[in-house]
Amino acid sequence: MPLSAPVTLADPLTGPTRYHTVDSPVGELLLTSDGVAITGLYMGIGHRHFAGIGADWISDGAPFDAAKAQLAAYFGNELREFDLPLAPRGTPFQREVWQALTTIPWGHTTTYGQLAHQLGRTAAASRAVGTANGRNPVSIIIPCHRVIGASGALVGYGGGLPAKRHLLTLEGSTLV
């Protein structure tokens, strides 16, 4: 089911980062927020692109009530489209890639090359797209797990390939 309209990625606000952890079928998820929008969803504190909880961060579950409810519904196979304010931090190119990821429908996959083409770039940009995809700070909600290798094989995922396989299976994607 495609999104009715692409999710808009807002610019992160300045101020203290708030964080909260939730359990999921793919392990502990660490959520971060600027107090208004989700700025990160990492598969555990050991996620390869997570630098660690900052000394000035505030442990606060309140900004995450909607995210927690939607994640529970997603993992319960009751939600196909997230409706949350998002404000991931990244370069303009990364944010362009992450925006494009939000258009990949539930149950579908695409390749790095196809995503590069969708962005109006040549196949040579697929490596840069892959790098930006791998640096997606809001996993699951910005569905970087829906991008696979050109051969159809599962390749690269910050949360690990077993988690990627779990998410794609949950969504009913056909896997190689």
Foldseek 3Di string as FASTA:
>chain_A
DWDPDFADADAADDDAKEWEWDAAPLGIWIWIHSLAFTAAIARDQVQPLHPHDDPRHHHDCVNCPLVVVQRVCLRVLNDFARDTHHHYDDDPVLSLLLSLLNRAGQQAAEELQVSCVVVVHHSVCSVVSVVSLQNPRYDPNSPSLRYDHPVQARDDDSSDPVVSVVSNVSSNHDGD
